[in-house]
């Protein structure tokens, strides 16, 4: 659905993106993460065909952003970090205006406005003016305006910025429902990684204008990245010699006591299965044997704390 190939973006005084490449499949919900100044917003604006990359190719729903920017605009909805609303317009009028300006016909605009309002749970406030809405409800209205033309791709740049914890939770639930119900490909840039984990299926890290961490990572399989897997064991009954049994079984013990342990296993799923079989044969009373999954935040922090790769210029 989104293809980015060797994209470079130069500002007059510095380079913001350094040969960025990745692909996002249809229906994915991607967390775009990275430090401030890493190039996330620049990348989003290039994908949205609002800024023109210096080098490289970007395709959205099969459309080249340089050759067919209007087709990209029709297929995509983009909500920037800082957005504006017409405070004197009601929710209904705001959505009707957004629908018509995005090419929705007059005969379909009313239905499109109502559908968008229902998706963000604003259909009970259709006659309320935008200026009377709370910060969280204004954010919902802005998202509704962004999806009123039924885009196939949705880009949200820091959508939870400035929201209180309850409003952020509501926003997370809403984005999760949008993904499940509409089948849209969604890219969300945010620093609130614990909430991204609730609904994102993939993660892409940008650091110093480059893709970090090996590319797009599956949020459900981050524990499997790398040559070793950490596995947690919990016993149903204490066993004082657990560490010794684990070592004899070929496991590298990270920590252990009489009630459980964490071990490092090389060789992937087959090695884990073999270790489990050896422990059962040895009479270890296992209640749980589970690979440890890294959270998005753990994966992100591990990557950004690595030494920076030298590049020409600084990221913007």
C-alpha atoms as a PDB file:
ATOM      1  CA  UNK A   1       0.000   0.000   0.000  1.00  0.00           C
ATOM      2  CA  UNK A   2       2.918   2.354   0.795  1.00  0.00           C
ATOM      3  CA  UNK A   3       6.283   1.853  -0.914  1.00  0.00           C
ATOM      4  CA  UNK A   4       9.259   4.077  -0.102  1.00  0.00           C
ATOM      5  CA  UNK A   5      12.471   3.488  -2.038  1.00  0.00           C
ATOM      6  CA  UNK A   6      15.787   5.256  -1.313  1.00  0.00           C
ATOM      7  CA  UNK A   7      14.151   8.543  -0.370  1.00  0.00           C
ATOM      8  CA  UNK A   8      16.413  11.516   0.286  1.00  0.00           C
ATOM      9  CA  UNK A   9      15.148  14.918   1.398  1.00  0.00           C
ATOM     10  CA  UNK A  10      17.350  17.988   1.580  1.00  0.00           C
ATOM     11  CA  UNK A  11      16.596  21.282   3.261  1.00  0.00           C
ATOM     12  CA  UNK A  12      18.716  24.245   2.084  1.00  0.00           C
ATOM     13  CA  UNK A  13      21.206  23.781   4.919  1.00  0.00           C
ATOM     14  CA  UNK A  14      20.963  20.118   5.861  1.00  0.00           C
ATOM     15  CA  UNK A  15      19.793  16.647   4.849  1.00  0.00           C
ATOM     16  CA  UNK A  16      16.710  15.357   6.673  1.00  0.00           C
ATOM     17  CA  UNK A  17      16.274  11.887   5.111  1.00  0.00           C
ATOM     18  CA  UNK A  18      19.150   9.646   4.053  1.00  0.00           C
ATOM     19  CA  UNK A  19      18.028   6.935   1.625  1.00  0.00           C
ATOM     20  CA  UNK A  20      14.937   5.766   3.522  1.00  0.00           C
ATOM     21  CA  UNK A  21      13.307   2.554   2.219  1.00  0.00           C
ATOM     22  CA  UNK A  22      10.417   0.446   3.548  1.00  0.00           C
ATOM     23  CA  UNK A  23       7.053  -1.059   2.589  1.00  0.00           C
ATOM     24  CA  UNK A  24       3.765  -1.121   4.461  1.00  0.00           C
ATOM     25  CA  UNK A  25       1.110  -3.671   3.522  1.00  0.00           C
ATOM     26  CA  UNK A  26      -2.578  -2.931   3.070  1.00  0.00           C
ATOM     27  CA  UNK A  27      -4.460  -2.885   6.375  1.00  0.00           C
ATOM     28  CA  UNK A  28      -1.364  -2.502   8.560  1.00  0.00           C
ATOM     29  CA  UNK A  29      -1.308  -0.089  11.489  1.00  0.00           C
ATOM     30  CA  UNK A  30       2.236   1.237  11.711  1.00  0.00           C
ATOM     31  CA  UNK A  31       3.838   3.078  14.618  1.00  0.00           C
ATOM     32  CA  UNK A  32       6.362   5.575  13.227  1.00  0.00           C
ATOM     33  CA  UNK A  33       8.724   6.355  16.092  1.00  0.00           C
ATOM     34  CA  UNK A  34      11.975   8.192  16.639  1.00  0.00           C
ATOM     35  CA  UNK A  35      13.540  11.088  18.554  1.00  0.00           C
ATOM     36  CA  UNK A  36      12.559  14.698  17.905  1.00  0.00           C
ATOM     37  CA  UNK A  37      14.291  15.867  14.749  1.00  0.00           C
ATOM     38  CA  UNK A  38      14.678  12.345  13.362  1.00  0.00           C
ATOM     39  CA  UNK A  39      12.786  13.173  10.138  1.00  0.00           C
ATOM     40  CA  UNK A  40       9.371  11.617  10.897  1.00  0.00           C
ATOM     41  CA  UNK A  41       7.260  14.640   9.910  1.00  0.00           C
ATOM     42  CA  UNK A  42       9.348  15.249   6.796  1.00  0.00           C
ATOM     43  CA  UNK A  43       8.806  11.618   5.792  1.00  0.00           C
ATOM     44  CA  UNK A  44       5.061  11.835   6.410  1.00  0.00           C
ATOM     45  CA  UNK A  45       4.745  14.999   4.311  1.00  0.00           C
ATOM     46  CA  UNK A  46       6.616  13.328   1.453  1.00  0.00           C
ATOM     47  CA  UNK A  47       4.339  10.271   1.634  1.00  0.00           C
ATOM     48  CA  UNK A  48       1.333  12.620   1.627  1.00  0.00           C
ATOM     49  CA  UNK A  49       2.658  14.272  -1.579  1.00  0.00           C
ATOM     50  CA  UNK A  50       2.841  17.627   0.199  1.00  0.00           C
ATOM     51  CA  UNK A  51       6.647  17.890   0.031  1.00  0.00           C
ATOM     52  CA  UNK A  52       8.804  16.700  -2.854  1.00  0.00           C
ATOM     53  CA  UNK A  53      11.702  14.422  -2.013  1.00  0.00           C
ATOM     54  CA  UNK A  54      15.142  15.222  -3.464  1.00  0.00           C
ATOM     55  CA  UNK A  55      15.732  11.633  -4.567  1.00  0.00           C
ATOM     56  CA  UNK A  56      13.883   8.332  -4.493  1.00  0.00           C
ATOM     57  CA  UNK A  57      10.397   7.036  -5.222  1.00  0.00           C
ATOM     58  CA  UNK A  58       7.235   6.924  -3.090  1.00  0.00           C
ATOM     59  CA  UNK A  59       4.075   5.096  -4.131  1.00  0.00           C
ATOM     60  CA  UNK A  60       0.767   5.225  -2.263  1.00  0.00           C
ATOM     61  CA  UNK A  61      -1.919   2.772  -3.382  1.00  0.00           C
ATOM     62  CA  UNK A  62       0.081   2.337  -6.584  1.00  0.00           C
ATOM     63  CA  UNK A  63       0.327   6.073  -7.341  1.00  0.00           C
ATOM     64  CA  UNK A  64       3.711   7.774  -7.649  1.00  0.00           C
ATOM     65  CA  UNK A  65       3.704  10.860  -5.428  1.00  0.00           C
ATOM     66  CA  UNK A  66       5.699  12.892  -7.979  1.00  0.00           C
ATOM     67  CA  UNK A  67       3.761  11.874 -11.101  1.00  0.00           C
ATOM     68  CA  UNK A  68       0.241  11.704  -9.644  1.00  0.00           C
ATOM     69  CA  UNK A  69       0.028  13.801  -6.448  1.00  0.00           C
ATOM     70  CA  UNK A  70      -3.719  14.434  -6.827  1.00  0.00           C
ATOM     71  CA  UNK A  71      -4.406  10.701  -6.989  1.00  0.00           C
ATOM     72  CA  UNK A  72      -2.367  10.308  -3.812  1.00  0.00           C
ATOM     73  CA  UNK A  73      -4.378  13.082  -2.128  1.00  0.00           C
ATOM     74  CA  UNK A  74      -7.604  11.300  -3.077  1.00  0.00           C
ATOM     75  CA  UNK A  75      -6.373   7.983  -1.652  1.00  0.00           C
ATOM     76  CA  UNK A  76      -4.934   9.428   1.533  1.00  0.00           C
ATOM     77  CA  UNK A  77      -5.878  11.399   4.628  1.00  0.00           C
ATOM     78  CA  UNK A  78      -3.210  13.348   6.524  1.00  0.00           C
ATOM     79  CA  UNK A  79      -3.582  15.027   9.916  1.00  0.00           C
ATOM     80  CA  UNK A  80      -0.563  17.128  10.925  1.00  0.00           C
ATOM     81  CA  UNK A  81       0.538  17.735  14.487  1.00  0.00           C
ATOM     82  CA  UNK A  82      -0.816  21.289  14.373  1.00  0.00           C
ATOM     83  CA  UNK A  83      -4.212  21.500  12.714  1.00  0.00           C
ATOM     84  CA  UNK A  84      -6.847  24.188  12.391  1.00  0.00           C
ATOM     85  CA  UNK A  85     -10.640  24.127  12.647  1.00  0.00           C
ATOM     86  CA  UNK A  86     -13.239  26.739  11.762  1.00  0.00           C
ATOM     87  CA  UNK A  87     -14.499  27.504  15.267  1.00  0.00           C
ATOM     88  CA  UNK A  88     -17.750  29.103  14.111  1.00  0.00           C
ATOM     89  CA  UNK A  89     -18.813  26.098  12.049  1.00  0.00           C
ATOM     90  CA  UNK A  90     -20.809  23.280  13.603  1.00  0.00           C
ATOM     91  CA  UNK A  91     -19.510  19.732  13.457  1.00  0.00           C
ATOM     92  CA  UNK A  92     -21.946  19.049  10.609  1.00  0.00           C
ATOM     93  CA  UNK A  93     -20.879  22.086   8.587  1.00  0.00           C
ATOM     94  CA  UNK A  94     -17.203  21.331   9.228  1.00  0.00           C
ATOM     95  CA  UNK A  95     -17.590  17.817   7.888  1.00  0.00           C
ATOM     96  CA  UNK A  96     -19.706  18.903   4.916  1.00  0.00           C
ATOM     97  CA  UNK A  97     -17.067  21.464   3.984  1.00  0.00           C
ATOM     98  CA  UNK A  98     -14.288  18.873   4.356  1.00  0.00           C
ATOM     99  CA  UNK A  99     -16.233  16.359   2.260  1.00  0.00           C
ATOM    100  CA  UNK A 100     -16.910  18.752  -0.603  1.00  0.00           C
ATOM    101  CA  UNK A 101     -13.334  20.098  -0.591  1.00  0.00           C
ATOM    102  CA  UNK A 102     -12.048  16.528  -0.864  1.00  0.00           C
ATOM    103  CA  UNK A 103     -14.162  15.747  -3.917  1.00  0.00           C
ATOM    104  CA  UNK A 104     -17.218  14.108  -2.357  1.00  0.00           C
ATOM    105  CA  UNK A 105     -20.275  14.875  -4.500  1.00  0.00           C
ATOM    106  CA  UNK A 106     -23.117  17.045  -3.197  1.00  0.00           C
ATOM    107  CA  UNK A 107     -25.471  14.052  -3.287  1.00  0.00           C
ATOM    108  CA  UNK A 108     -23.183  12.026  -0.992  1.00  0.00           C
ATOM    109  CA  UNK A 109     -21.713  14.701   1.268  1.00  0.00           C
ATOM    110  CA  UNK A 110     -24.369  14.547   3.998  1.00  0.00           C
ATOM    111  CA  UNK A 111     -24.097  10.769   4.327  1.00  0.00           C
ATOM    112  CA  UNK A 112     -20.290  10.944   4.263  1.00  0.00           C
ATOM    113  CA  UNK A 113     -20.311  13.572   7.029  1.00  0.00           C
ATOM    114  CA  UNK A 114     -22.578  11.460   9.222  1.00  0.00           C
ATOM    115  CA  UNK A 115     -20.520   8.303   8.653  1.00  0.00           C
ATOM    116  CA  UNK A 116     -17.292  10.095   9.570  1.00  0.00           C
ATOM    117  CA  UNK A 117     -18.897  11.556  12.711  1.00  0.00           C
ATOM    118  CA  UNK A 118     -20.147   8.115  13.751  1.00  0.00           C
ATOM    119  CA  UNK A 119     -16.685   6.598  13.318  1.00  0.00           C
ATOM    120  CA  UNK A 120     -15.190   9.097  15.780  1.00  0.00           C
ATOM    121  CA  UNK A 121     -18.284   9.101  18.033  1.00  0.00           C
ATOM    122  CA  UNK A 122     -19.262  12.715  17.364  1.00  0.00           C
ATOM    123  CA  UNK A 123     -22.660  12.068  15.773  1.00  0.00           C
ATOM    124  CA  UNK A 124     -24.394  13.302  18.955  1.00  0.00           C
ATOM    125  CA  UNK A 125     -22.728  16.721  18.578  1.00  0.00           C
ATOM    126  CA  UNK A 126     -23.478  17.493  14.948  1.00  0.00           C
ATOM    127  CA  UNK A 127     -25.002  20.910  15.742  1.00  0.00           C
ATOM    128  CA  UNK A 128     -22.344  21.984  18.255  1.00  0.00           C
ATOM    129  CA  UNK A 129     -19.802  24.539  17.092  1.00  0.00           C
ATOM    130  CA  UNK A 130     -16.184  23.435  16.779  1.00  0.00           C
ATOM    131  CA  UNK A 131     -15.059  26.268  19.041  1.00  0.00           C
ATOM    132  CA  UNK A 132     -17.160  24.843  21.874  1.00  0.00           C
ATOM    133  CA  UNK A 133     -15.520  21.413  21.809  1.00  0.00           C
ATOM    134  CA  UNK A 134     -12.874  20.205  24.265  1.00  0.00           C
ATOM    135  CA  UNK A 135      -9.321  19.497  23.072  1.00  0.00           C
ATOM    136  CA  UNK A 136     -10.052  15.790  22.772  1.00  0.00           C
ATOM    137  CA  UNK A 137     -13.284  16.319  20.828  1.00  0.00           C
ATOM    138  CA  UNK A 138     -11.571  18.806  18.524  1.00  0.00           C
ATOM    139  CA  UNK A 139      -9.000  16.120  17.779  1.00  0.00           C
ATOM    140  CA  UNK A 140     -11.795  13.700  16.920  1.00  0.00           C
ATOM    141  CA  UNK A 141     -13.381  16.278  14.605  1.00  0.00           C
ATOM    142  CA  UNK A 142     -10.040  16.845  12.884  1.00  0.00           C
ATOM    143  CA  UNK A 143      -9.681  13.092  12.302  1.00  0.00           C
ATOM    144  CA  UNK A 144     -13.270  12.904  11.030  1.00  0.00           C
ATOM    145  CA  UNK A 145     -12.493  15.649   8.499  1.00  0.00           C
ATOM    146  CA  UNK A 146      -9.421  13.678   7.440  1.00  0.00           C
ATOM    147  CA  UNK A 147     -11.375  10.456   6.770  1.00  0.00           C
ATOM    148  CA  UNK A 148     -14.628  11.917   5.429  1.00  0.00           C
ATOM    149  CA  UNK A 149     -13.670  11.050   1.828  1.00  0.00           C
ATOM    150  CA  UNK A 150     -13.031   7.369   2.762  1.00  0.00           C
ATOM    151  CA  UNK A 151      -9.252   7.308   2.200  1.00  0.00           C
ATOM    152  CA  UNK A 152      -7.415   4.018   1.930  1.00  0.00           C
ATOM    153  CA  UNK A 153      -4.389   5.386   3.807  1.00  0.00           C
ATOM    154  CA  UNK A 154      -4.450   7.525   6.963  1.00  0.00           C
ATOM    155  CA  UNK A 155      -1.414   9.425   8.313  1.00  0.00           C
ATOM    156  CA  UNK A 156      -1.631  10.832  11.848  1.00  0.00           C
ATOM    157  CA  UNK A 157       1.263  12.970  13.087  1.00  0.00           C
ATOM    158  CA  UNK A 158       1.365  13.069  16.916  1.00  0.00           C
ATOM    159  CA  UNK A 159      -2.437  12.746  17.273  1.00  0.00           C
ATOM    160  CA  UNK A 160      -2.296  12.450  21.090  1.00  0.00           C
ATOM    161  CA  UNK A 161      -0.245  15.622  21.579  1.00  0.00           C
ATOM    162  CA  UNK A 162      -1.744  17.817  24.292  1.00  0.00           C
ATOM    163  CA  UNK A 163      -4.450  15.343  25.316  1.00  0.00           C
ATOM    164  CA  UNK A 164      -5.084  14.282  28.911  1.00  0.00           C
ATOM    165  CA  UNK A 165      -4.741  10.555  29.795  1.00  0.00           C
ATOM    166  CA  UNK A 166      -8.471   9.825  29.411  1.00  0.00           C
ATOM    167  CA  UNK A 167      -8.641  11.549  26.026  1.00  0.00           C
ATOM    168  CA  UNK A 168      -5.511   9.678  24.868  1.00  0.00           C
ATOM    169  CA  UNK A 169      -7.077   6.367  25.866  1.00  0.00           C
ATOM    170  CA  UNK A 170     -10.262   7.242  23.974  1.00  0.00           C
ATOM    171  CA  UNK A 171      -8.195   8.221  20.938  1.00  0.00           C
ATOM    172  CA  UNK A 172      -6.287   4.916  21.056  1.00  0.00           C
ATOM    173  CA  UNK A 173      -9.533   2.952  21.154  1.00  0.00           C
ATOM    174  CA  UNK A 174     -10.921   4.998  18.274  1.00  0.00           C
ATOM    175  CA  UNK A 175      -7.879   4.408  16.066  1.00  0.00           C
ATOM    176  CA  UNK A 176      -8.050   0.700  16.840  1.00  0.00           C
ATOM    177  CA  UNK A 177     -11.704   0.611  15.778  1.00  0.00           C
ATOM    178  CA  UNK A 178     -10.960   2.578  12.609  1.00  0.00           C
ATOM    179  CA  UNK A 179      -8.339   0.042  11.615  1.00  0.00           C
ATOM    180  CA  UNK A 180     -10.582  -2.939  12.378  1.00  0.00           C
ATOM    181  CA  UNK A 181     -13.740  -1.602  10.748  1.00  0.00           C
ATOM    182  CA  UNK A 182     -12.456   0.269   7.694  1.00  0.00           C
ATOM    183  CA  UNK A 183      -9.420  -1.751   6.619  1.00  0.00           C
ATOM    184  CA  UNK A 184      -7.435   1.468   6.200  1.00  0.00           C
ATOM    185  CA  UNK A 185      -3.651   1.402   6.254  1.00  0.00           C
ATOM    186  CA  UNK A 186      -2.785   3.695   9.171  1.00  0.00           C
ATOM    187  CA  UNK A 187       0.539   5.307  10.075  1.00  0.00           C
ATOM    188  CA  UNK A 188       0.744   6.978  13.492  1.00  0.00           C
ATOM    189  CA  UNK A 189       3.689   9.067  14.619  1.00  0.00           C
ATOM    190  CA  UNK A 190       3.848   9.382  18.394  1.00  0.00           C
ATOM    191  CA  UNK A 191       6.123   9.398  21.431  1.00  0.00           C
ATOM    192  CA  UNK A 192       3.544   7.629  23.631  1.00  0.00           C
ATOM    193  CA  UNK A 193       4.761   4.139  22.839  1.00  0.00           C
ATOM    194  CA  UNK A 194       2.731   2.313  25.484  1.00  0.00           C
ATOM    195  CA  UNK A 195      -0.477   3.429  23.774  1.00  0.00           C
ATOM    196  CA  UNK A 196       0.777   2.712  20.261  1.00  0.00           C
ATOM    197  CA  UNK A 197       1.290  -0.871  21.385  1.00  0.00           C
ATOM    198  CA  UNK A 198      -2.461  -1.216  22.028  1.00  0.00           C
ATOM    199  CA  UNK A 199      -3.380  -0.977  18.350  1.00  0.00           C
ATOM    200  CA  UNK A 200      -0.276  -0.958  16.134  1.00  0.00           C
ATOM    201  CA  UNK A 201       0.628  -4.134  14.260  1.00  0.00           C
ATOM    202  CA  UNK A 202       4.037  -2.895  13.074  1.00  0.00           C
ATOM    203  CA  UNK A 203       6.734  -0.394  14.005  1.00  0.00           C
ATOM    204  CA  UNK A 204       9.245   1.610  11.986  1.00  0.00           C
ATOM    205  CA  UNK A 205      12.025   3.496  13.768  1.00  0.00           C
ATOM    206  CA  UNK A 206      13.604   6.593  12.234  1.00  0.00           C
ATOM    207  CA  UNK A 207      16.878   7.803  13.691  1.00  0.00           C
ATOM    208  CA  UNK A 208      19.031  10.582  12.247  1.00  0.00           C
ATOM    209  CA  UNK A 209      17.029  10.503   9.038  1.00  0.00           C
ATOM    210  CA  UNK A 210      17.575   6.783   8.488  1.00  0.00           C
ATOM    211  CA  UNK A 211      15.582   3.594   9.060  1.00  0.00           C
ATOM    212  CA  UNK A 212      16.798   1.967  12.286  1.00  0.00           C
ATOM    213  CA  UNK A 213      16.290  -1.477  13.767  1.00  0.00           C
ATOM    214  CA  UNK A 214      16.391  -3.380  10.481  1.00  0.00           C
ATOM    215  CA  UNK A 215      13.221  -1.980   8.890  1.00  0.00           C
ATOM    216  CA  UNK A 216       9.540  -2.527   9.615  1.00  0.00           C
ATOM    217  CA  UNK A 217       9.150  -4.731  12.694  1.00  0.00           C
ATOM    218  CA  UNK A 218       6.107  -6.802  13.554  1.00  0.00           C
ATOM    219  CA  UNK A 219       4.775  -5.650  16.914  1.00  0.00           C
ATOM    220  CA  UNK A 220       3.825  -9.223  17.773  1.00  0.00           C
ATOM    221  CA  UNK A 221       7.212 -10.811  17.109  1.00  0.00           C
ATOM    222  CA  UNK A 222       9.783  -8.417  18.473  1.00  0.00           C
ATOM    223  CA  UNK A 223      11.028 -11.012  20.972  1.00  0.00           C
ATOM    224  CA  UNK A 224      12.322 -13.034  18.029  1.00  0.00           C
ATOM    225  CA  UNK A 225      14.589 -10.288  16.659  1.00  0.00           C
ATOM    226  CA  UNK A 226      18.224 -11.374  16.978  1.00  0.00           C
ATOM    227  CA  UNK A 227      20.038 -14.716  17.383  1.00  0.00           C
ATOM    228  CA  UNK A 228      18.809 -15.411  20.927  1.00  0.00           C
ATOM    229  CA  UNK A 229      15.417 -15.570  22.620  1.00  0.00           C
ATOM    230  CA  UNK A 230      14.743 -14.929  26.292  1.00  0.00           C
ATOM    231  CA  UNK A 231      12.341 -17.428  27.867  1.00  0.00           C
ATOM    232  CA  UNK A 232      10.644 -17.176  31.262  1.00  0.00           C
ATOM    233  CA  UNK A 233       9.946 -20.358  33.256  1.00  0.00           C
ATOM    234  CA  UNK A 234       7.574 -20.587  36.219  1.00  0.00           C
ATOM    235  CA  UNK A 235       7.369 -23.726  38.357  1.00  0.00           C
ATOM    236  CA  UNK A 236       4.276 -25.172  39.981  1.00  0.00           C
ATOM    237  CA  UNK A 237       6.431 -26.364  42.910  1.00  0.00           C
ATOM    238  CA  UNK A 238       9.837 -25.134  44.135  1.00  0.00           C
ATOM    239  CA  UNK A 239      12.972 -26.890  42.982  1.00  0.00           C
ATOM    240  CA  UNK A 240      16.234 -25.877  44.651  1.00  0.00           C
ATOM    241  CA  UNK A 241      18.484 -27.273  41.909  1.00  0.00           C
ATOM    242  CA  UNK A 242      16.674 -25.507  39.043  1.00  0.00           C
ATOM    243  CA  UNK A 243      19.711 -23.533  37.883  1.00  0.00           C
ATOM    244  CA  UNK A 244      21.844 -26.681  37.696  1.00  0.00           C
ATOM    245  CA  UNK A 245      19.132 -28.588  35.790  1.00  0.00           C
ATOM    246  CA  UNK A 246      18.809 -25.740  33.291  1.00  0.00           C
ATOM    247  CA  UNK A 247      22.550 -25.635  32.703  1.00  0.00           C
ATOM    248  CA  UNK A 248      22.690 -29.403  32.164  1.00  0.00           C
ATOM    249  CA  UNK A 249      19.843 -29.010  29.672  1.00  0.00           C
ATOM    250  CA  UNK A 250      21.892 -26.573  27.613  1.00  0.00           C
ATOM    251  CA  UNK A 251      20.186 -23.315  28.594  1.00  0.00           C
ATOM    252  CA  UNK A 252      22.101 -20.129  29.384  1.00  0.00           C
ATOM    253  CA  UNK A 253      20.707 -18.996  32.733  1.00  0.00           C
ATOM    254  CA  UNK A 254      20.089 -15.264  33.037  1.00  0.00           C
ATOM    255  CA  UNK A 255      18.615 -15.534  36.506  1.00  0.00           C
ATOM    256  CA  UNK A 256      17.048 -18.330  38.545  1.00  0.00           C
ATOM    257  CA  UNK A 257      15.666 -19.236  41.957  1.00  0.00           C
ATOM    258  CA  UNK A 258      13.677 -22.177  43.302  1.00  0.00           C
ATOM    259  CA  UNK A 259      10.390 -20.942  41.784  1.00  0.00           C
ATOM    260  CA  UNK A 260      11.414 -19.999  38.247  1.00  0.00           C
ATOM    261  CA  UNK A 261      14.033 -18.654  35.886  1.00  0.00           C
ATOM    262  CA  UNK A 262      14.823 -16.629  32.806  1.00  0.00           C
ATOM    263  CA  UNK A 263      17.056 -18.308  30.233  1.00  0.00           C
ATOM    264  CA  UNK A 264      18.579 -17.367  26.904  1.00  0.00           C
ATOM    265  CA  UNK A 265      18.023 -19.855  24.070  1.00  0.00           C
ATOM    266  CA  UNK A 266      19.885 -19.911  20.739  1.00  0.00           C
ATOM    267  CA  UNK A 267      18.376 -21.530  17.677  1.00  0.00           C
ATOM    268  CA  UNK A 268      14.831 -20.184  17.474  1.00  0.00           C
ATOM    269  CA  UNK A 269      11.588 -22.089  17.997  1.00  0.00           C
ATOM    270  CA  UNK A 270      13.118 -25.533  17.438  1.00  0.00           C
ATOM    271  CA  UNK A 271      15.682 -24.954  20.192  1.00  0.00           C
ATOM    272  CA  UNK A 272      12.949 -23.726  22.541  1.00  0.00           C
ATOM    273  CA  UNK A 273      10.864 -26.846  21.864  1.00  0.00           C
ATOM    274  CA  UNK A 274      13.857 -29.100  22.469  1.00  0.00           C
ATOM    275  CA  UNK A 275      14.652 -27.350  25.757  1.00  0.00           C
ATOM    276  CA  UNK A 276      11.066 -27.702  26.916  1.00  0.00           C
ATOM    277  CA  UNK A 277      11.130 -31.428  26.135  1.00  0.00           C
ATOM    278  CA  UNK A 278      14.389 -31.923  28.063  1.00  0.00           C
ATOM    279  CA  UNK A 279      13.020 -30.094  31.125  1.00  0.00           C
ATOM    280  CA  UNK A 280       9.820 -32.160  31.130  1.00  0.00           C
ATOM    281  CA  UNK A 281      11.887 -35.352  30.801  1.00  0.00           C
ATOM    282  CA  UNK A 282      14.038 -34.177  33.718  1.00  0.00           C
ATOM    283  CA  UNK A 283      10.909 -33.913  35.863  1.00  0.00           C
ATOM    284  CA  UNK A 284      10.920 -30.117  36.222  1.00  0.00           C
ATOM    285  CA  UNK A 285       7.366 -29.122  37.360  1.00  0.00           C
ATOM    286  CA  UNK A 286       6.726 -26.402  34.772  1.00  0.00           C
ATOM    287  CA  UNK A 287       3.624 -24.235  35.035  1.00  0.00           C
ATOM    288  CA  UNK A 288       4.674 -21.744  32.325  1.00  0.00           C
ATOM    289  CA  UNK A 289       7.275 -21.632  29.551  1.00  0.00           C
ATOM    290  CA  UNK A 290       6.974 -18.409  27.552  1.00  0.00           C
ATOM    291  CA  UNK A 291       9.253 -16.315  25.299  1.00  0.00           C
ATOM    292  CA  UNK A 292       9.726 -12.776  26.565  1.00  0.00           C
ATOM    293  CA  UNK A 293       8.318 -10.171  24.213  1.00  0.00           C
ATOM    294  CA  UNK A 294       9.894  -6.755  24.022  1.00  0.00           C
ATOM    295  CA  UNK A 295       7.475  -3.871  24.201  1.00  0.00           C
ATOM    296  CA  UNK A 296       7.607  -1.147  21.565  1.00  0.00           C
ATOM    297  CA  UNK A 297       9.202   1.102  24.162  1.00  0.00           C
ATOM    298  CA  UNK A 298      11.946  -1.419  24.962  1.00  0.00           C
ATOM    299  CA  UNK A 299      12.722  -1.975  21.275  1.00  0.00           C
ATOM    300  CA  UNK A 300      12.756   1.777  20.666  1.00  0.00           C
ATOM    301  CA  UNK A 301      15.049   2.581  23.599  1.00  0.00           C
ATOM    302  CA  UNK A 302      17.472  -0.185  22.674  1.00  0.00           C
ATOM    303  CA  UNK A 303      17.785   1.288  19.193  1.00  0.00           C
ATOM    304  CA  UNK A 304      18.059   4.995  19.991  1.00  0.00           C
ATOM    305  CA  UNK A 305      20.753   4.314  22.606  1.00  0.00           C
ATOM    306  CA  UNK A 306      23.036   2.768  20.012  1.00  0.00           C
ATOM    307  CA  UNK A 307      25.856   5.016  18.732  1.00  0.00           C
ATOM    308  CA  UNK A 308      24.730   7.208  15.840  1.00  0.00           C
ATOM    309  CA  UNK A 309      25.802   6.226  12.311  1.00  0.00           C
ATOM    310  CA  UNK A 310      27.776   9.063  10.694  1.00  0.00           C
ATOM    311  CA  UNK A 311      25.762  10.802   7.956  1.00  0.00           C
ATOM    312  CA  UNK A 312      26.186  13.914   5.867  1.00  0.00           C
ATOM    313  CA  UNK A 313      24.436  16.800   7.572  1.00  0.00           C
ATOM    314  CA  UNK A 314      21.951  16.668  10.421  1.00  0.00           C
ATOM    315  CA  UNK A 315      18.368  15.417  10.396  1.00  0.00           C
ATOM    316  CA  UNK A 316      15.518  17.903  10.557  1.00  0.00           C
END
